[in-house]
Amino acid sequence: MKRILLLLIVATTVLSGCGPQIYQSNNFAVEKQKHKVVAILPFEVLIEAKRLPKGVTAQMLQEQQRDYGYGLQGDVYGYFLKQMSKDRYTVTFQDVSKTNAILNDAFISYEDLRTYSKDELCRILGVDAVVSGKTTMSKPMSDGAAIAVGLLVGAWGSTNSINTTVTVHEGEKGDLMWKYDYMASGSVGSSRQSLSNALMKNTSKKFPYKKS
């Protein structure tokens, strides 16, 4: 364990991404002109592990996924907030603390989000569109100790792969307007922050609300 922790301290973060796959609805150029306020939902996160190490329960894994999902939501909003201050987008983004408070008041938990349609969520949140994301983290190795360290400090080994999809749905019918698929591999020391930084660096180049 000491050796693993030492590696985590000295390792340099590496996230290498594959070419993104982008979909955009044919009528999005027209539809987005109606959009003024967009909400960012907590990301759906799935951590795949062949087996759980001793002392790590399924509930702990679920809590980690939820925390990661809210963390990515905050990271993405923080990035958009900086860009909004530079007047780079045609829309404003609802503060995620307000988004989560409204969801909480509506008794919609993190686990419940996937059971609601995007148009329902738009109406509940009072926005014109929603940005959502799904991240799958794969750890195809049998080293339970490394997985345990990953759960505790947010670091994953060199065999880790991360697939993230970011989508935009409009609020009237909940139609998918834009979809961005991003895949990255992380070295020892890779973290949620490094993932979100790499994701937004790539996503922002093609984000549909960016001013031309």
N, C-alpha and C. Protein backbone atom coordinates (compact mmCIF):
# COMPACT_ATOMS: atom_id res chain seq x y z
N MET A 1 0.83 -1.20 0.00
CA MET A 1 0.00 0.00 0.00
C MET A 1 0.87 1.26 0.00
N LYS A 2 1.98 1.22 0.79
CA LYS A 2 2.89 2.37 0.82
C LYS A 2 3.46 2.64 -0.57
N ARG A 3 3.77 1.55 -1.27
CA ARG A 3 4.33 1.70 -2.62
C ARG A 3 3.32 2.36 -3.55
N ILE A 4 2.04 1.95 -3.43
CA ILE A 4 0.99 2.53 -4.27
C ILE A 4 0.82 4.01 -3.98
N LEU A 5 0.81 4.36 -2.68
CA LEU A 5 0.65 5.76 -2.30
C LEU A 5 1.82 6.60 -2.78
N LEU A 6 3.02 6.02 -2.74
CA LEU A 6 4.20 6.74 -3.22
C LEU A 6 4.09 7.02 -4.71
N LEU A 7 3.61 6.00 -5.45
CA LEU A 7 3.42 6.18 -6.89
C LEU A 7 2.40 7.27 -7.18
N LEU A 8 1.35 7.34 -6.35
CA LEU A 8 0.33 8.37 -6.54
C LEU A 8 0.88 9.76 -6.33
N ILE A 9 1.82 9.88 -5.38
CA ILE A 9 2.40 11.19 -5.08
C ILE A 9 3.31 11.67 -6.19
N VAL A 10 4.11 10.75 -6.74
CA VAL A 10 5.13 11.18 -7.71
C VAL A 10 4.65 11.10 -9.15
N ALA A 11 3.51 10.42 -9.40
CA ALA A 11 3.09 10.22 -10.78
C ALA A 11 2.60 11.51 -11.40
N THR A 12 2.80 11.65 -12.68
CA THR A 12 2.30 12.79 -13.44
C THR A 12 1.02 12.39 -14.13
N THR A 13 0.03 13.24 -14.05
CA THR A 13 -1.27 12.92 -14.63
C THR A 13 -1.20 12.93 -16.15
N VAL A 14 -1.77 11.88 -16.74
CA VAL A 14 -1.81 11.80 -18.19
C VAL A 14 -3.22 11.40 -18.60
N LEU A 15 -3.83 12.17 -19.45
CA LEU A 15 -5.12 11.79 -20.03
C LEU A 15 -5.01 11.94 -21.53
N SER A 16 -5.07 10.82 -22.24
CA SER A 16 -4.97 10.88 -23.69
C SER A 16 -6.32 10.55 -24.28
N GLY A 17 -6.83 11.40 -25.13
CA GLY A 17 -8.18 11.22 -25.66
C GLY A 17 -8.17 10.74 -27.09
N CYS A 18 -9.20 9.95 -27.44
CA CYS A 18 -9.39 9.54 -28.82
C CYS A 18 -10.27 10.58 -29.52
N GLY A 19 -10.30 10.49 -30.84
CA GLY A 19 -11.08 11.45 -31.60
C GLY A 19 -12.55 11.42 -31.19
N PRO A 20 -13.17 12.57 -30.93
CA PRO A 20 -14.55 12.61 -30.46
C PRO A 20 -15.54 12.30 -31.57
N GLN A 21 -16.71 11.80 -31.18
CA GLN A 21 -17.82 11.58 -32.10
C GLN A 21 -18.89 12.62 -31.76
N ILE A 22 -19.31 13.38 -32.76
CA ILE A 22 -20.25 14.48 -32.51
C ILE A 22 -21.50 14.32 -33.36
N TYR A 23 -22.66 14.49 -32.71
CA TYR A 23 -23.94 14.52 -33.41
C TYR A 23 -24.61 15.86 -33.14
N GLN A 24 -25.22 16.43 -34.16
CA GLN A 24 -26.00 17.65 -33.98
C GLN A 24 -27.25 17.57 -34.83
N SER A 25 -28.39 17.86 -34.21
CA SER A 25 -29.66 17.83 -34.91
C SER A 25 -29.67 18.86 -36.04
N ASN A 26 -30.33 18.51 -37.12
CA ASN A 26 -30.38 19.41 -38.27
C ASN A 26 -31.06 20.74 -37.96
N ASN A 27 -32.01 20.73 -37.01
CA ASN A 27 -32.75 21.96 -36.70
C ASN A 27 -32.23 22.67 -35.45
N PHE A 28 -31.07 22.24 -34.94
CA PHE A 28 -30.57 22.85 -33.71
C PHE A 28 -30.19 24.31 -33.92
N ALA A 29 -29.70 24.65 -35.08
CA ALA A 29 -29.32 26.04 -35.34
C ALA A 29 -30.50 26.98 -35.17
N VAL A 30 -31.69 26.48 -35.51
CA VAL A 30 -32.91 27.28 -35.36
C VAL A 30 -33.41 27.21 -33.92
N GLU A 31 -33.43 26.01 -33.34
CA GLU A 31 -33.96 25.80 -32.01
C GLU A 31 -33.17 26.55 -30.94
N LYS A 32 -31.85 26.59 -31.08
CA LYS A 32 -31.03 27.19 -30.02
C LYS A 32 -31.22 28.71 -29.91
N GLN A 33 -31.79 29.31 -30.94
CA GLN A 33 -32.07 30.74 -30.88
C GLN A 33 -33.17 31.05 -29.86
N LYS A 34 -33.97 30.03 -29.49
CA LYS A 34 -35.03 30.20 -28.50
C LYS A 34 -34.50 30.01 -27.08
N HIS A 35 -33.30 29.48 -26.95
CA HIS A 35 -32.78 29.11 -25.63
C HIS A 35 -32.06 30.28 -24.96
N LYS A 36 -32.44 30.53 -23.73
CA LYS A 36 -31.81 31.60 -22.97
C LYS A 36 -31.11 31.08 -21.71
N VAL A 37 -31.74 30.12 -21.03
CA VAL A 37 -31.17 29.57 -19.80
C VAL A 37 -31.07 28.06 -19.93
N VAL A 38 -29.90 27.52 -19.60
CA VAL A 38 -29.63 26.08 -19.71
C VAL A 38 -29.17 25.57 -18.35
N ALA A 39 -29.68 24.42 -17.94
CA ALA A 39 -29.27 23.79 -16.68
C ALA A 39 -28.30 22.65 -16.97
N ILE A 40 -27.42 22.40 -16.03
CA ILE A 40 -26.47 21.29 -16.11
C ILE A 40 -26.86 20.27 -15.04
N LEU A 41 -27.15 19.07 -15.46
CA LEU A 41 -27.57 18.03 -14.53
C LEU A 41 -26.35 17.30 -13.94
N PRO A 42 -26.51 16.71 -12.76
CA PRO A 42 -25.44 15.84 -12.25
C PRO A 42 -25.16 14.73 -13.26
N PHE A 43 -23.90 14.41 -13.46
CA PHE A 43 -23.54 13.37 -14.42
C PHE A 43 -23.93 12.00 -13.88
N GLU A 44 -24.36 11.13 -14.77
CA GLU A 44 -24.56 9.73 -14.42
C GLU A 44 -23.19 9.05 -14.51
N VAL A 45 -22.75 8.43 -13.45
CA VAL A 45 -21.42 7.83 -13.40
C VAL A 45 -21.53 6.34 -13.09
N LEU A 46 -20.78 5.54 -13.84
CA LEU A 46 -20.71 4.10 -13.61
C LEU A 46 -19.24 3.71 -13.48
N ILE A 47 -18.88 3.15 -12.34
CA ILE A 47 -17.53 2.65 -12.12
C ILE A 47 -17.57 1.14 -12.24
N GLU A 48 -16.92 0.61 -13.27
CA GLU A 48 -16.92 -0.82 -13.52
C GLU A 48 -15.70 -1.47 -12.87
N ALA A 49 -15.93 -2.46 -12.04
CA ALA A 49 -14.84 -3.20 -11.40
C ALA A 49 -15.22 -4.67 -11.37
N LYS A 50 -14.28 -5.53 -11.72
CA LYS A 50 -14.59 -6.96 -11.76
C LYS A 50 -14.95 -7.50 -10.39
N ARG A 51 -14.29 -6.98 -9.40
CA ARG A 51 -14.62 -7.40 -8.04
C ARG A 51 -14.25 -6.28 -7.07
N LEU A 52 -14.97 -6.24 -5.97
CA LEU A 52 -14.71 -5.22 -4.97
C LEU A 52 -13.68 -5.74 -3.96
N PRO A 53 -12.71 -4.90 -3.59
CA PRO A 53 -11.72 -5.31 -2.60
C PRO A 53 -12.34 -5.42 -1.21
N LYS A 54 -11.66 -6.09 -0.34
CA LYS A 54 -12.14 -6.26 1.02
C LYS A 54 -12.33 -4.89 1.68
N GLY A 55 -13.46 -4.72 2.33
CA GLY A 55 -13.73 -3.45 3.01
C GLY A 55 -14.48 -2.45 2.17
N VAL A 56 -14.66 -2.72 0.86
CA VAL A 56 -15.39 -1.82 -0.03
C VAL A 56 -16.72 -2.48 -0.38
N THR A 57 -17.83 -1.84 -0.04
CA THR A 57 -19.15 -2.40 -0.28
C THR A 57 -19.78 -1.80 -1.53
N ALA A 58 -20.85 -2.44 -1.98
CA ALA A 58 -21.59 -1.92 -3.13
C ALA A 58 -22.14 -0.53 -2.83
N GLN A 59 -22.57 -0.31 -1.59
CA GLN A 59 -23.08 1.00 -1.20
C GLN A 59 -22.00 2.07 -1.29
N MET A 60 -20.78 1.74 -0.87
CA MET A 60 -19.66 2.67 -0.97
C MET A 60 -19.40 3.02 -2.43
N LEU A 61 -19.50 2.03 -3.30
CA LEU A 61 -19.28 2.27 -4.72
C LEU A 61 -20.36 3.20 -5.27
N GLN A 62 -21.61 2.98 -4.87
CA GLN A 62 -22.71 3.83 -5.32
C GLN A 62 -22.53 5.26 -4.83
N GLU A 63 -22.08 5.42 -3.60
CA GLU A 63 -21.84 6.76 -3.06
C GLU A 63 -20.72 7.45 -3.81
N GLN A 64 -19.68 6.69 -4.18
CA GLN A 64 -18.58 7.26 -4.95
C GLN A 64 -19.05 7.73 -6.31
N GLN A 65 -19.92 6.93 -6.94
CA GLN A 65 -20.45 7.30 -8.25
C GLN A 65 -21.28 8.58 -8.15
N ARG A 66 -22.10 8.67 -7.11
CA ARG A 66 -22.93 9.87 -6.92
C ARG A 66 -22.07 11.10 -6.67
N ASP A 67 -21.07 10.97 -5.80
CA ASP A 67 -20.18 12.09 -5.50
C ASP A 67 -19.44 12.54 -6.76
N TYR A 68 -19.01 11.57 -7.55
CA TYR A 68 -18.30 11.88 -8.79
C TYR A 68 -19.23 12.60 -9.77
N GLY A 69 -20.50 12.15 -9.80
CA GLY A 69 -21.47 12.76 -10.70
C GLY A 69 -21.74 14.22 -10.37
N TYR A 70 -21.90 14.52 -9.07
CA TYR A 70 -22.09 15.90 -8.64
C TYR A 70 -20.81 16.72 -8.84
N GLY A 71 -19.67 16.06 -8.64
CA GLY A 71 -18.40 16.76 -8.84
C GLY A 71 -18.20 17.18 -10.29
N LEU A 72 -18.52 16.29 -11.23
CA LEU A 72 -18.41 16.63 -12.64
C LEU A 72 -19.39 17.73 -13.02
N GLN A 73 -20.59 17.68 -12.47
CA GLN A 73 -21.57 18.74 -12.71
C GLN A 73 -20.99 20.09 -12.30
N GLY A 74 -20.39 20.15 -11.12
CA GLY A 74 -19.80 21.39 -10.63
C GLY A 74 -18.62 21.84 -11.46
N ASP A 75 -17.80 20.88 -11.89
CA ASP A 75 -16.63 21.21 -12.71
C ASP A 75 -17.05 21.83 -14.04
N VAL A 76 -18.05 21.21 -14.67
CA VAL A 76 -18.53 21.70 -15.98
C VAL A 76 -19.14 23.09 -15.82
N TYR A 77 -19.93 23.28 -14.76
CA TYR A 77 -20.52 24.61 -14.53
C TYR A 77 -19.42 25.65 -14.29
N GLY A 78 -18.41 25.28 -13.52
CA GLY A 78 -17.31 26.20 -13.26
C GLY A 78 -16.62 26.63 -14.53
N TYR A 79 -16.45 25.70 -15.45
CA TYR A 79 -15.83 26.03 -16.73
C TYR A 79 -16.72 26.98 -17.53
N PHE A 80 -18.01 26.65 -17.62
CA PHE A 80 -18.93 27.51 -18.37
C PHE A 80 -19.02 28.90 -17.74
N LEU A 81 -18.96 28.96 -16.42
CA LEU A 81 -19.04 30.25 -15.73
C LEU A 81 -17.89 31.16 -16.15
N LYS A 82 -16.70 30.60 -16.26
CA LYS A 82 -15.55 31.39 -16.69
C LYS A 82 -15.74 31.88 -18.12
N GLN A 83 -16.30 31.01 -18.96
CA GLN A 83 -16.52 31.39 -20.36
C GLN A 83 -17.62 32.44 -20.48
N MET A 84 -18.64 32.34 -19.61
CA MET A 84 -19.72 33.34 -19.63
C MET A 84 -19.18 34.72 -19.28
N SER A 85 -18.21 34.76 -18.36
CA SER A 85 -17.64 36.05 -17.97
C SER A 85 -16.90 36.71 -19.13
N LYS A 86 -16.55 35.91 -20.12
CA LYS A 86 -15.88 36.42 -21.32
C LYS A 86 -16.86 36.59 -22.48
N ASP A 87 -18.16 36.41 -22.16
CA ASP A 87 -19.23 36.60 -23.14
C ASP A 87 -19.03 35.71 -24.37
N ARG A 88 -18.77 34.43 -24.12
CA ARG A 88 -18.50 33.51 -25.23
C ARG A 88 -19.67 32.62 -25.61
N TYR A 89 -20.78 32.71 -24.85
CA TYR A 89 -21.93 31.86 -25.15
C TYR A 89 -23.18 32.68 -25.38
N THR A 90 -24.11 32.09 -26.13
CA THR A 90 -25.37 32.76 -26.44
C THR A 90 -26.42 32.52 -25.36
N VAL A 91 -26.09 31.68 -24.37
CA VAL A 91 -27.03 31.37 -23.28
C VAL A 91 -26.33 31.59 -21.94
N THR A 92 -27.12 31.61 -20.88
CA THR A 92 -26.56 31.59 -19.53
C THR A 92 -26.87 30.22 -18.92
N PHE A 93 -26.09 29.84 -17.92
CA PHE A 93 -26.24 28.53 -17.30
C PHE A 93 -26.73 28.70 -15.87
N GLN A 94 -27.77 27.96 -15.55
CA GLN A 94 -28.34 28.02 -14.20
C GLN A 94 -27.30 27.55 -13.19
N ASP A 95 -27.20 28.28 -12.08
CA ASP A 95 -26.28 27.89 -11.02
C ASP A 95 -26.63 26.47 -10.56
N VAL A 96 -25.61 25.60 -10.48
CA VAL A 96 -25.88 24.19 -10.15
C VAL A 96 -26.45 24.03 -8.74
N SER A 97 -26.13 24.95 -7.84
CA SER A 97 -26.71 24.87 -6.50
C SER A 97 -28.22 25.09 -6.56
N LYS A 98 -28.66 25.99 -7.45
CA LYS A 98 -30.09 26.21 -7.65
C LYS A 98 -30.72 25.00 -8.33
N THR A 99 -30.04 24.46 -9.34
CA THR A 99 -30.54 23.26 -10.03
C THR A 99 -30.77 22.13 -9.04
N ASN A 100 -29.77 21.87 -8.20
CA ASN A 100 -29.88 20.75 -7.26
C ASN A 100 -30.91 21.02 -6.17
N ALA A 101 -31.06 22.29 -5.78
CA ALA A 101 -32.06 22.64 -4.78
C ALA A 101 -33.47 22.40 -5.32
N ILE A 102 -33.70 22.79 -6.57
CA ILE A 102 -35.01 22.58 -7.19
C ILE A 102 -35.32 21.09 -7.30
N LEU A 103 -34.32 20.31 -7.71
CA LEU A 103 -34.51 18.86 -7.81
C LEU A 103 -34.81 18.26 -6.44
N ASN A 104 -34.11 18.74 -5.43
CA ASN A 104 -34.34 18.24 -4.07
C ASN A 104 -35.75 18.58 -3.59
N ASP A 105 -36.19 19.82 -3.88
CA ASP A 105 -37.54 20.23 -3.48
C ASP A 105 -38.61 19.42 -4.21
N ALA A 106 -38.26 18.95 -5.41
CA ALA A 106 -39.21 18.13 -6.19
C ALA A 106 -39.08 16.65 -5.84
N PHE A 107 -38.27 16.35 -4.81
CA PHE A 107 -38.05 14.97 -4.36
C PHE A 107 -37.47 14.09 -5.47
N ILE A 108 -36.59 14.68 -6.26
CA ILE A 108 -35.90 13.93 -7.32
C ILE A 108 -34.47 13.69 -6.86
N SER A 109 -34.16 12.47 -6.52
CA SER A 109 -32.82 12.12 -6.06
C SER A 109 -31.89 11.90 -7.25
N TYR A 110 -30.62 11.74 -6.95
CA TYR A 110 -29.63 11.47 -7.99
C TYR A 110 -30.02 10.21 -8.77
N GLU A 111 -30.44 9.17 -8.04
CA GLU A 111 -30.81 7.91 -8.68
C GLU A 111 -32.10 8.05 -9.50
N ASP A 112 -32.95 9.01 -9.13
CA ASP A 112 -34.24 9.19 -9.84
C ASP A 112 -34.09 9.91 -11.17
N LEU A 113 -33.00 10.63 -11.36
CA LEU A 113 -32.87 11.49 -12.53
C LEU A 113 -33.09 10.75 -13.84
N ARG A 114 -32.55 9.54 -13.95
CA ARG A 114 -32.64 8.80 -15.21
C ARG A 114 -34.07 8.34 -15.52
N THR A 115 -34.97 8.41 -14.53
CA THR A 115 -36.36 7.97 -14.75
C THR A 115 -37.23 9.10 -15.29
N TYR A 116 -36.69 10.32 -15.34
CA TYR A 116 -37.43 11.47 -15.85
C TYR A 116 -36.99 11.79 -17.28
N SER A 117 -37.94 12.20 -18.12
CA SER A 117 -37.58 12.64 -19.46
C SER A 117 -36.95 14.02 -19.37
N LYS A 118 -36.20 14.37 -20.39
CA LYS A 118 -35.49 15.66 -20.37
C LYS A 118 -36.47 16.84 -20.44
N ASP A 119 -37.58 16.70 -21.14
CA ASP A 119 -38.54 17.81 -21.16
C ASP A 119 -39.20 18.00 -19.80
N GLU A 120 -39.42 16.90 -19.06
CA GLU A 120 -39.96 17.01 -17.70
C GLU A 120 -38.99 17.76 -16.81
N LEU A 121 -37.71 17.42 -16.91
CA LEU A 121 -36.70 18.07 -16.09
C LEU A 121 -36.58 19.55 -16.44
N CYS A 122 -36.68 19.87 -17.73
CA CYS A 122 -36.63 21.28 -18.15
C CYS A 122 -37.77 22.07 -17.53
N ARG A 123 -38.95 21.49 -17.53
CA ARG A 123 -40.12 22.18 -16.95
C ARG A 123 -39.95 22.37 -15.44
N ILE A 124 -39.48 21.33 -14.78
CA ILE A 124 -39.29 21.40 -13.33
C ILE A 124 -38.25 22.45 -12.98
N LEU A 125 -37.18 22.53 -13.77
CA LEU A 125 -36.08 23.46 -13.50
C LEU A 125 -36.34 24.85 -14.05
N GLY A 126 -37.34 24.99 -14.92
CA GLY A 126 -37.65 26.30 -15.49
C GLY A 126 -36.60 26.79 -16.46
N VAL A 127 -36.06 25.87 -17.28
CA VAL A 127 -35.00 26.22 -18.24
C VAL A 127 -35.44 25.82 -19.65
N ASP A 128 -34.67 26.28 -20.62
CA ASP A 128 -35.00 26.02 -22.02
C ASP A 128 -34.34 24.75 -22.56
N ALA A 129 -33.29 24.29 -21.88
CA ALA A 129 -32.58 23.09 -22.31
C ALA A 129 -31.74 22.58 -21.15
N VAL A 130 -31.31 21.33 -21.25
CA VAL A 130 -30.45 20.77 -20.21
C VAL A 130 -29.22 20.12 -20.83
N VAL A 131 -28.11 20.30 -20.14
CA VAL A 131 -26.88 19.58 -20.47
C VAL A 131 -26.76 18.42 -19.50
N SER A 132 -26.56 17.23 -20.02
CA SER A 132 -26.39 16.07 -19.15
C SER A 132 -25.18 15.28 -19.62
N GLY A 133 -24.71 14.38 -18.76
CA GLY A 133 -23.54 13.61 -19.12
C GLY A 133 -23.56 12.24 -18.49
N LYS A 134 -22.88 11.32 -19.13
CA LYS A 134 -22.72 9.96 -18.60
C LYS A 134 -21.26 9.55 -18.72
N THR A 135 -20.69 9.12 -17.62
CA THR A 135 -19.29 8.72 -17.59
C THR A 135 -19.17 7.28 -17.11
N THR A 136 -18.47 6.46 -17.88
CA THR A 136 -18.20 5.08 -17.49
C THR A 136 -16.70 4.92 -17.30
N MET A 137 -16.32 4.51 -16.10
CA MET A 137 -14.91 4.31 -15.77
C MET A 137 -14.66 2.82 -15.64
N SER A 138 -13.78 2.28 -16.47
CA SER A 138 -13.48 0.85 -16.46
C SER A 138 -12.14 0.59 -15.81
N LYS A 139 -12.10 -0.41 -14.98
CA LYS A 139 -10.87 -0.77 -14.28
C LYS A 139 -10.66 -2.27 -14.45
N PRO A 140 -10.23 -2.69 -15.65
CA PRO A 140 -10.12 -4.12 -15.93
C PRO A 140 -8.86 -4.75 -15.34
N MET A 141 -8.71 -4.69 -14.01
CA MET A 141 -7.57 -5.31 -13.36
C MET A 141 -8.03 -5.94 -12.06
N SER A 142 -7.31 -6.90 -11.58
CA SER A 142 -7.73 -7.64 -10.40
C SER A 142 -7.08 -7.13 -9.13
N ASP A 143 -6.31 -6.07 -9.22
CA ASP A 143 -5.62 -5.53 -8.05
C ASP A 143 -6.60 -4.76 -7.18
N GLY A 144 -7.18 -5.45 -6.18
CA GLY A 144 -8.19 -4.83 -5.33
C GLY A 144 -7.66 -3.64 -4.57
N ALA A 145 -6.40 -3.68 -4.19
CA ALA A 145 -5.82 -2.57 -3.43
C ALA A 145 -5.83 -1.30 -4.26
N ALA A 146 -5.53 -1.40 -5.55
CA ALA A 146 -5.51 -0.22 -6.42
C ALA A 146 -6.91 0.35 -6.55
N ILE A 147 -7.91 -0.52 -6.64
CA ILE A 147 -9.29 -0.05 -6.73
C ILE A 147 -9.68 0.67 -5.44
N ALA A 148 -9.26 0.09 -4.32
CA ALA A 148 -9.58 0.72 -3.03
C ALA A 148 -8.97 2.11 -2.93
N VAL A 149 -7.74 2.26 -3.38
CA VAL A 149 -7.10 3.57 -3.38
C VAL A 149 -7.85 4.51 -4.30
N GLY A 150 -8.29 3.99 -5.44
CA GLY A 150 -9.06 4.82 -6.36
C GLY A 150 -10.32 5.35 -5.73
N LEU A 151 -11.00 4.52 -4.97
CA LEU A 151 -12.22 4.96 -4.30
C LEU A 151 -11.94 6.00 -3.23
N LEU A 152 -10.83 5.86 -2.55
CA LEU A 152 -10.54 6.74 -1.44
C LEU A 152 -10.00 8.10 -1.87
N VAL A 153 -9.14 8.13 -2.88
CA VAL A 153 -8.50 9.40 -3.23
C VAL A 153 -8.77 9.84 -4.66
N GLY A 154 -9.59 9.07 -5.41
CA GLY A 154 -9.96 9.50 -6.75
C GLY A 154 -8.90 9.25 -7.79
N ALA A 155 -7.99 8.33 -7.54
CA ALA A 155 -6.92 8.05 -8.50
C ALA A 155 -7.08 6.64 -9.05
N TRP A 156 -6.69 6.47 -10.30
CA TRP A 156 -6.87 5.18 -10.96
C TRP A 156 -5.58 4.78 -11.68
N GLY A 157 -5.42 3.49 -11.92
CA GLY A 157 -4.19 2.99 -12.52
C GLY A 157 -4.12 3.16 -14.02
N SER A 158 -3.01 2.71 -14.60
CA SER A 158 -2.72 2.97 -16.01
C SER A 158 -3.65 2.20 -16.95
N THR A 159 -4.34 1.17 -16.45
CA THR A 159 -5.24 0.42 -17.32
C THR A 159 -6.64 1.01 -17.35
N ASN A 160 -6.82 2.12 -16.68
CA ASN A 160 -8.15 2.72 -16.61
C ASN A 160 -8.55 3.38 -17.93
N SER A 161 -9.82 3.18 -18.33
CA SER A 161 -10.35 3.88 -19.50
C SER A 161 -11.62 4.60 -19.07
N ILE A 162 -11.84 5.76 -19.65
CA ILE A 162 -12.97 6.61 -19.27
C ILE A 162 -13.74 7.01 -20.53
N ASN A 163 -15.01 6.66 -20.57
CA ASN A 163 -15.87 7.06 -21.68
C ASN A 163 -16.92 8.04 -21.17
N THR A 164 -16.99 9.20 -21.79
CA THR A 164 -17.92 10.24 -21.35
C THR A 164 -18.75 10.74 -22.52
N THR A 165 -20.04 10.84 -22.31
CA THR A 165 -20.95 11.40 -23.31
C THR A 165 -21.62 12.64 -22.72
N VAL A 166 -21.56 13.74 -23.44
CA VAL A 166 -22.22 14.98 -23.04
C VAL A 166 -23.33 15.25 -24.05
N THR A 167 -24.55 15.54 -23.55
CA THR A 167 -25.67 15.77 -24.45
C THR A 167 -26.39 17.07 -24.10
N VAL A 168 -27.10 17.60 -25.10
CA VAL A 168 -27.98 18.76 -24.91
C VAL A 168 -29.36 18.36 -25.42
N HIS A 169 -30.37 18.49 -24.56
CA HIS A 169 -31.76 18.24 -24.95
C HIS A 169 -32.57 19.53 -24.81
N GLU A 170 -33.43 19.80 -25.78
CA GLU A 170 -34.26 20.99 -25.70
C GLU A 170 -35.46 20.72 -24.80
N GLY A 171 -36.11 21.79 -24.35
CA GLY A 171 -37.10 21.66 -23.30
C GLY A 171 -38.53 21.40 -23.71
N GLU A 172 -38.91 21.68 -24.96
CA GLU A 172 -40.31 21.55 -25.34
C GLU A 172 -40.73 20.09 -25.49
N LYS A 173 -39.95 19.32 -26.25
CA LYS A 173 -40.26 17.91 -26.47
C LYS A 173 -39.19 16.99 -25.90
N GLY A 174 -38.11 17.58 -25.41
CA GLY A 174 -37.04 16.77 -24.86
C GLY A 174 -36.16 16.12 -25.91
N ASP A 175 -36.20 16.65 -27.14
CA ASP A 175 -35.43 16.05 -28.23
C ASP A 175 -33.93 16.25 -28.02
N LEU A 176 -33.17 15.24 -28.45
CA LEU A 176 -31.72 15.34 -28.43
C LEU A 176 -31.26 16.30 -29.51
N MET A 177 -30.55 17.34 -29.11
CA MET A 177 -30.09 18.36 -30.05
C MET A 177 -28.61 18.21 -30.39
N TRP A 178 -27.83 17.73 -29.41
CA TRP A 178 -26.38 17.67 -29.60
C TRP A 178 -25.81 16.58 -28.70
N LYS A 179 -24.80 15.86 -29.21
CA LYS A 179 -24.20 14.76 -28.46
C LYS A 179 -22.71 14.69 -28.77
N TYR A 180 -21.92 14.57 -27.72
CA TYR A 180 -20.47 14.55 -27.86
C TYR A 180 -19.93 13.35 -27.08
N ASP A 181 -19.26 12.43 -27.77
CA ASP A 181 -18.67 11.25 -27.14
C ASP A 181 -17.16 11.45 -27.02
N TYR A 182 -16.65 11.26 -25.82
CA TYR A 182 -15.23 11.46 -25.56
C TYR A 182 -14.68 10.26 -24.80
N MET A 183 -13.54 9.74 -25.26
CA MET A 183 -12.90 8.61 -24.59
C MET A 183 -11.48 8.99 -24.22
N ALA A 184 -11.08 8.65 -23.00
CA ALA A 184 -9.74 8.95 -22.54
C ALA A 184 -9.20 7.79 -21.72
N SER A 185 -7.89 7.71 -21.64
CA SER A 185 -7.25 6.73 -20.77
C SER A 185 -6.42 7.49 -19.76
N GLY A 186 -6.44 7.03 -18.52
CA GLY A 186 -5.75 7.77 -17.46
C GLY A 186 -4.61 6.98 -16.85
N SER A 187 -3.56 7.66 -16.49
CA SER A 187 -2.44 7.02 -15.82
C SER A 187 -2.64 7.08 -14.32
N VAL A 188 -1.72 6.50 -13.56
CA VAL A 188 -1.74 6.61 -12.12
C VAL A 188 -1.70 8.10 -11.76
N GLY A 189 -2.60 8.51 -10.92
CA GLY A 189 -2.65 9.91 -10.52
C GLY A 189 -3.72 10.70 -11.24
N SER A 190 -4.37 10.09 -12.26
CA SER A 190 -5.45 10.81 -12.95
C SER A 190 -6.61 10.98 -11.99
N SER A 191 -7.30 12.11 -12.09
CA SER A 191 -8.34 12.46 -11.13
C SER A 191 -9.58 12.98 -11.85
N ARG A 192 -10.63 13.23 -11.05
CA ARG A 192 -11.84 13.80 -11.63
C ARG A 192 -11.55 15.15 -12.26
N GLN A 193 -10.75 15.95 -11.60
CA GLN A 193 -10.44 17.29 -12.10
C GLN A 193 -9.71 17.21 -13.43
N SER A 194 -8.76 16.27 -13.54
CA SER A 194 -8.03 16.14 -14.80
C SER A 194 -8.95 15.65 -15.91
N LEU A 195 -9.91 14.78 -15.55
CA LEU A 195 -10.89 14.33 -16.53
C LEU A 195 -11.75 15.49 -17.01
N SER A 196 -12.30 16.26 -16.07
CA SER A 196 -13.19 17.36 -16.46
C SER A 196 -12.44 18.42 -17.25
N ASN A 197 -11.19 18.68 -16.88
CA ASN A 197 -10.39 19.66 -17.63
C ASN A 197 -10.19 19.21 -19.07
N ALA A 198 -9.81 17.93 -19.24
CA ALA A 198 -9.60 17.40 -20.59
C ALA A 198 -10.90 17.37 -21.38
N LEU A 199 -11.98 16.96 -20.69
CA LEU A 199 -13.29 16.89 -21.35
C LEU A 199 -13.74 18.25 -21.85
N MET A 200 -13.66 19.27 -20.98
CA MET A 200 -14.16 20.58 -21.36
C MET A 200 -13.23 21.26 -22.37
N LYS A 201 -11.95 20.99 -22.29
CA LYS A 201 -11.03 21.54 -23.27
C LYS A 201 -11.39 21.09 -24.67
N ASN A 202 -11.81 19.83 -24.78
CA ASN A 202 -12.18 19.28 -26.08
C ASN A 202 -13.62 19.63 -26.45
N THR A 203 -14.54 19.52 -25.48
CA THR A 203 -15.94 19.78 -25.76
C THR A 203 -16.20 21.23 -26.15
N SER A 204 -15.50 22.15 -25.49
CA SER A 204 -15.77 23.57 -25.70
C SER A 204 -15.50 24.01 -27.13
N LYS A 205 -14.63 23.30 -27.81
CA LYS A 205 -14.30 23.68 -29.19
C LYS A 205 -15.50 23.49 -30.12
N LYS A 206 -16.38 22.55 -29.76
CA LYS A 206 -17.53 22.24 -30.63
C LYS A 206 -18.86 22.52 -29.94
N PHE A 207 -18.83 23.12 -28.74
CA PHE A 207 -20.06 23.31 -28.00
C PHE A 207 -21.00 24.22 -28.79
N PRO A 208 -22.25 23.79 -28.98
CA PRO A 208 -23.15 24.48 -29.93
C PRO A 208 -23.60 25.88 -29.52
N TYR A 209 -23.51 26.24 -28.24
CA TYR A 209 -23.93 27.57 -27.82
C TYR A 209 -22.78 28.59 -27.87
N LYS A 210 -21.65 28.16 -28.36
CA LYS A 210 -20.50 29.07 -28.44
C LYS A 210 -20.75 30.10 -29.54
N LYS A 211 -20.46 31.36 -29.23
CA LYS A 211 -20.63 32.41 -30.22
C LYS A 211 -19.61 32.25 -31.34
N SER A 212 -20.06 32.49 -32.56
CA SER A 212 -19.16 32.33 -33.70
C SER A 212 -18.24 33.54 -33.85
